[in-house]
Amino acid sequence: MALNPLQILKIKSILNDFRTRHPGFARFIKAIRKKGLPQGSVLEVKITFPEGQTMETNIRVSEEDLELLRTLSDLANS
């Protein structure tokens, strides 16, 4: 799937809005990028829904995952 320039601009706008609404998360991501995310790291995600229910999962980062993250980062910074 190829992205056209208008889609890229829309995604960049959405990402910029997200960064504005959630500056702490943006700083967290920046710190991770600075430190690096080596293969074998474990990412954990926990969601707490408004009614109190939680769901959580984790992944062990593979080389393919790192490639996806690099591609998304390049897209966000282009």
N, C-alpha and C. Protein backbone atom coordinates (compact mmCIF):
# COMPACT_ATOMS: atom_id res chain seq x y z
N MET A 1 0.84 -1.17 0.00
CA MET A 1 0.00 0.00 0.00
C MET A 1 0.90 1.24 0.00
N ALA A 2 0.79 2.05 -1.01
CA ALA A 2 1.57 3.28 -1.09
C ALA A 2 0.74 4.44 -0.56
N LEU A 3 1.39 5.29 0.21
CA LEU A 3 0.71 6.47 0.73
C LEU A 3 0.91 7.63 -0.24
N ASN A 4 -0.15 8.34 -0.52
CA ASN A 4 0.02 9.52 -1.36
C ASN A 4 0.39 10.70 -0.47
N PRO A 5 0.92 11.77 -1.06
CA PRO A 5 1.36 12.91 -0.26
C PRO A 5 0.28 13.51 0.63
N LEU A 6 -0.97 13.51 0.17
CA LEU A 6 -2.04 14.05 1.02
C LEU A 6 -2.26 13.20 2.26
N GLN A 7 -2.14 11.88 2.12
CA GLN A 7 -2.27 10.99 3.28
C GLN A 7 -1.14 11.24 4.26
N ILE A 8 0.06 11.42 3.75
CA ILE A 8 1.22 11.67 4.61
C ILE A 8 1.01 12.97 5.39
N LEU A 9 0.55 14.01 4.72
CA LEU A 9 0.29 15.28 5.40
C LEU A 9 -0.78 15.13 6.47
N LYS A 10 -1.82 14.36 6.18
CA LYS A 10 -2.89 14.13 7.16
C LYS A 10 -2.34 13.39 8.38
N ILE A 11 -1.54 12.36 8.15
CA ILE A 11 -0.95 11.59 9.25
C ILE A 11 -0.04 12.49 10.09
N LYS A 12 0.77 13.32 9.43
CA LYS A 12 1.65 14.23 10.16
C LYS A 12 0.84 15.20 11.02
N SER A 13 -0.26 15.70 10.49
CA SER A 13 -1.12 16.61 11.25
C SER A 13 -1.72 15.91 12.47
N ILE A 14 -2.18 14.69 12.28
CA ILE A 14 -2.75 13.92 13.39
C ILE A 14 -1.68 13.65 14.45
N LEU A 15 -0.47 13.30 14.02
CA LEU A 15 0.62 13.05 14.97
C LEU A 15 0.97 14.33 15.74
N ASN A 16 1.03 15.46 15.06
CA ASN A 16 1.33 16.72 15.74
C ASN A 16 0.25 17.06 16.77
N ASP A 17 -1.01 16.85 16.42
CA ASP A 17 -2.10 17.08 17.37
C ASP A 17 -1.97 16.16 18.58
N PHE A 18 -1.62 14.89 18.34
CA PHE A 18 -1.43 13.93 19.43
C PHE A 18 -0.32 14.40 20.37
N ARG A 19 0.79 14.84 19.79
CA ARG A 19 1.92 15.33 20.60
C ARG A 19 1.50 16.52 21.46
N THR A 20 0.67 17.39 20.91
CA THR A 20 0.19 18.56 21.66
C THR A 20 -0.70 18.14 22.82
N ARG A 21 -1.59 17.18 22.58
CA ARG A 21 -2.51 16.72 23.63
C ARG A 21 -1.82 15.89 24.71
N HIS A 22 -0.73 15.21 24.33
CA HIS A 22 -0.07 14.27 25.24
C HIS A 22 1.43 14.51 25.29
N PRO A 23 1.87 15.68 25.79
CA PRO A 23 3.30 15.99 25.77
C PRO A 23 4.15 15.03 26.60
N GLY A 24 3.59 14.50 27.67
CA GLY A 24 4.34 13.54 28.49
C GLY A 24 4.67 12.27 27.71
N PHE A 25 3.72 11.81 26.92
CA PHE A 25 3.95 10.61 26.12
C PHE A 25 5.00 10.90 25.05
N ALA A 26 4.91 12.09 24.44
CA ALA A 26 5.89 12.47 23.43
C ALA A 26 7.30 12.52 24.04
N ARG A 27 7.43 13.06 25.25
CA ARG A 27 8.75 13.09 25.92
C ARG A 27 9.24 11.68 26.21
N PHE A 28 8.33 10.79 26.62
CA PHE A 28 8.68 9.41 26.90
C PHE A 28 9.23 8.74 25.64
N ILE A 29 8.55 8.92 24.51
CA ILE A 29 9.00 8.33 23.25
C ILE A 29 10.35 8.91 22.85
N LYS A 30 10.53 10.21 23.04
CA LYS A 30 11.81 10.85 22.72
C LYS A 30 12.93 10.25 23.56
N ALA A 31 12.68 10.03 24.85
CA ALA A 31 13.69 9.44 25.74
C ALA A 31 14.03 8.01 25.30
N ILE A 32 13.02 7.25 24.88
CA ILE A 32 13.28 5.89 24.40
C ILE A 32 14.12 5.94 23.13
N ARG A 33 13.79 6.85 22.23
CA ARG A 33 14.57 6.98 20.99
C ARG A 33 16.02 7.33 21.30
N LYS A 34 16.23 8.20 22.30
CA LYS A 34 17.58 8.61 22.67
C LYS A 34 18.37 7.43 23.26
N LYS A 35 17.72 6.68 24.13
CA LYS A 35 18.38 5.54 24.77
C LYS A 35 18.54 4.38 23.80
N GLY A 36 17.56 4.23 22.91
CA GLY A 36 17.58 3.10 21.99
C GLY A 36 16.65 2.01 22.50
N LEU A 37 16.13 1.23 21.59
CA LEU A 37 15.24 0.13 21.92
C LEU A 37 15.82 -1.13 21.29
N PRO A 38 16.66 -1.83 22.02
CA PRO A 38 17.31 -2.98 21.42
C PRO A 38 16.37 -4.18 21.23
N GLN A 39 16.70 -4.97 20.25
CA GLN A 39 15.98 -6.22 20.03
C GLN A 39 16.01 -7.01 21.32
N GLY A 40 14.90 -7.64 21.66
CA GLY A 40 14.80 -8.41 22.90
C GLY A 40 14.16 -7.63 24.04
N SER A 41 14.03 -6.30 23.88
CA SER A 41 13.34 -5.51 24.89
C SER A 41 11.88 -5.96 24.95
N VAL A 42 11.25 -5.74 26.07
CA VAL A 42 9.84 -6.10 26.23
C VAL A 42 9.02 -4.83 26.39
N LEU A 43 8.02 -4.67 25.52
CA LEU A 43 7.07 -3.56 25.61
C LEU A 43 5.81 -4.09 26.28
N GLU A 44 5.35 -3.37 27.30
CA GLU A 44 4.13 -3.75 27.99
C GLU A 44 3.11 -2.63 27.83
N VAL A 45 1.87 -3.02 27.57
CA VAL A 45 0.79 -2.05 27.41
C VAL A 45 -0.36 -2.48 28.31
N LYS A 46 -0.85 -1.51 29.09
CA LYS A 46 -2.01 -1.76 29.95
C LYS A 46 -3.03 -0.66 29.67
N ILE A 47 -4.26 -1.07 29.41
CA ILE A 47 -5.36 -0.14 29.17
C ILE A 47 -6.34 -0.27 30.32
N THR A 48 -6.71 0.87 30.91
CA THR A 48 -7.75 0.90 31.93
C THR A 48 -8.94 1.65 31.34
N PHE A 49 -10.04 0.95 31.17
CA PHE A 49 -11.24 1.53 30.59
C PHE A 49 -11.95 2.38 31.64
N PRO A 50 -12.80 3.33 31.20
CA PRO A 50 -13.48 4.22 32.16
C PRO A 50 -14.23 3.48 33.26
N GLU A 51 -14.77 2.30 32.96
CA GLU A 51 -15.52 1.57 33.98
C GLU A 51 -14.61 0.76 34.91
N GLY A 52 -13.28 0.83 34.69
CA GLY A 52 -12.34 0.18 35.59
C GLY A 52 -11.75 -1.13 35.06
N GLN A 53 -12.34 -1.72 34.03
CA GLN A 53 -11.79 -2.95 33.46
C GLN A 53 -10.42 -2.67 32.87
N THR A 54 -9.50 -3.62 33.01
CA THR A 54 -8.17 -3.45 32.43
C THR A 54 -7.86 -4.60 31.47
N MET A 55 -7.02 -4.29 30.52
CA MET A 55 -6.48 -5.29 29.60
C MET A 55 -5.00 -4.97 29.45
N GLU A 56 -4.19 -6.00 29.38
CA GLU A 56 -2.76 -5.76 29.19
C GLU A 56 -2.13 -6.86 28.36
N THR A 57 -1.03 -6.49 27.74
CA THR A 57 -0.28 -7.43 26.92
C THR A 57 1.16 -6.96 26.85
N ASN A 58 2.01 -7.78 26.26
CA ASN A 58 3.40 -7.38 26.05
C ASN A 58 3.94 -8.08 24.81
N ILE A 59 5.00 -7.49 24.27
CA ILE A 59 5.69 -8.13 23.15
C ILE A 59 7.19 -8.04 23.38
N ARG A 60 7.89 -9.03 22.94
CA ARG A 60 9.35 -8.99 22.91
C ARG A 60 9.73 -8.45 21.54
N VAL A 61 10.49 -7.37 21.52
CA VAL A 61 10.80 -6.66 20.29
C VAL A 61 11.74 -7.48 19.40
N SER A 62 11.31 -7.67 18.15
CA SER A 62 12.11 -8.39 17.16
C SER A 62 12.74 -7.38 16.20
N GLU A 63 13.63 -7.83 15.35
CA GLU A 63 14.23 -6.97 14.33
C GLU A 63 13.16 -6.42 13.40
N GLU A 64 12.17 -7.23 13.06
CA GLU A 64 11.07 -6.77 12.20
C GLU A 64 10.27 -5.66 12.87
N ASP A 65 10.07 -5.78 14.18
CA ASP A 65 9.37 -4.74 14.93
C ASP A 65 10.16 -3.43 14.90
N LEU A 66 11.47 -3.54 15.04
CA LEU A 66 12.32 -2.35 15.00
C LEU A 66 12.25 -1.68 13.64
N GLU A 67 12.19 -2.47 12.58
CA GLU A 67 12.07 -1.90 11.24
C GLU A 67 10.75 -1.13 11.10
N LEU A 68 9.66 -1.69 11.61
CA LEU A 68 8.37 -0.99 11.59
C LEU A 68 8.46 0.32 12.36
N LEU A 69 9.05 0.30 13.53
CA LEU A 69 9.19 1.51 14.35
C LEU A 69 10.05 2.55 13.65
N ARG A 70 11.13 2.12 12.99
CA ARG A 70 11.98 3.06 12.24
C ARG A 70 11.20 3.70 11.10
N THR A 71 10.41 2.88 10.40
CA THR A 71 9.62 3.40 9.29
C THR A 71 8.59 4.41 9.77
N LEU A 72 7.89 4.10 10.86
CA LEU A 72 6.92 5.03 11.42
C LEU A 72 7.58 6.31 11.90
N SER A 73 8.75 6.18 12.51
CA SER A 73 9.49 7.34 12.97
C SER A 73 9.91 8.21 11.80
N ASP A 74 10.40 7.59 10.75
CA ASP A 74 10.79 8.35 9.56
C ASP A 74 9.59 9.09 8.97
N LEU A 75 8.46 8.44 8.95
CA LEU A 75 7.24 9.05 8.42
C LEU A 75 6.83 10.25 9.28
N ALA A 76 6.91 10.08 10.60
CA ALA A 76 6.50 11.15 11.51
C ALA A 76 7.45 12.33 11.44
N ASN A 77 8.70 12.08 11.10
CA ASN A 77 9.70 13.16 11.09
C ASN A 77 9.98 13.73 9.72
N SER A 78 9.32 13.22 8.69
CA SER A 78 9.59 13.73 7.34
C SER A 78 8.77 14.96 7.03
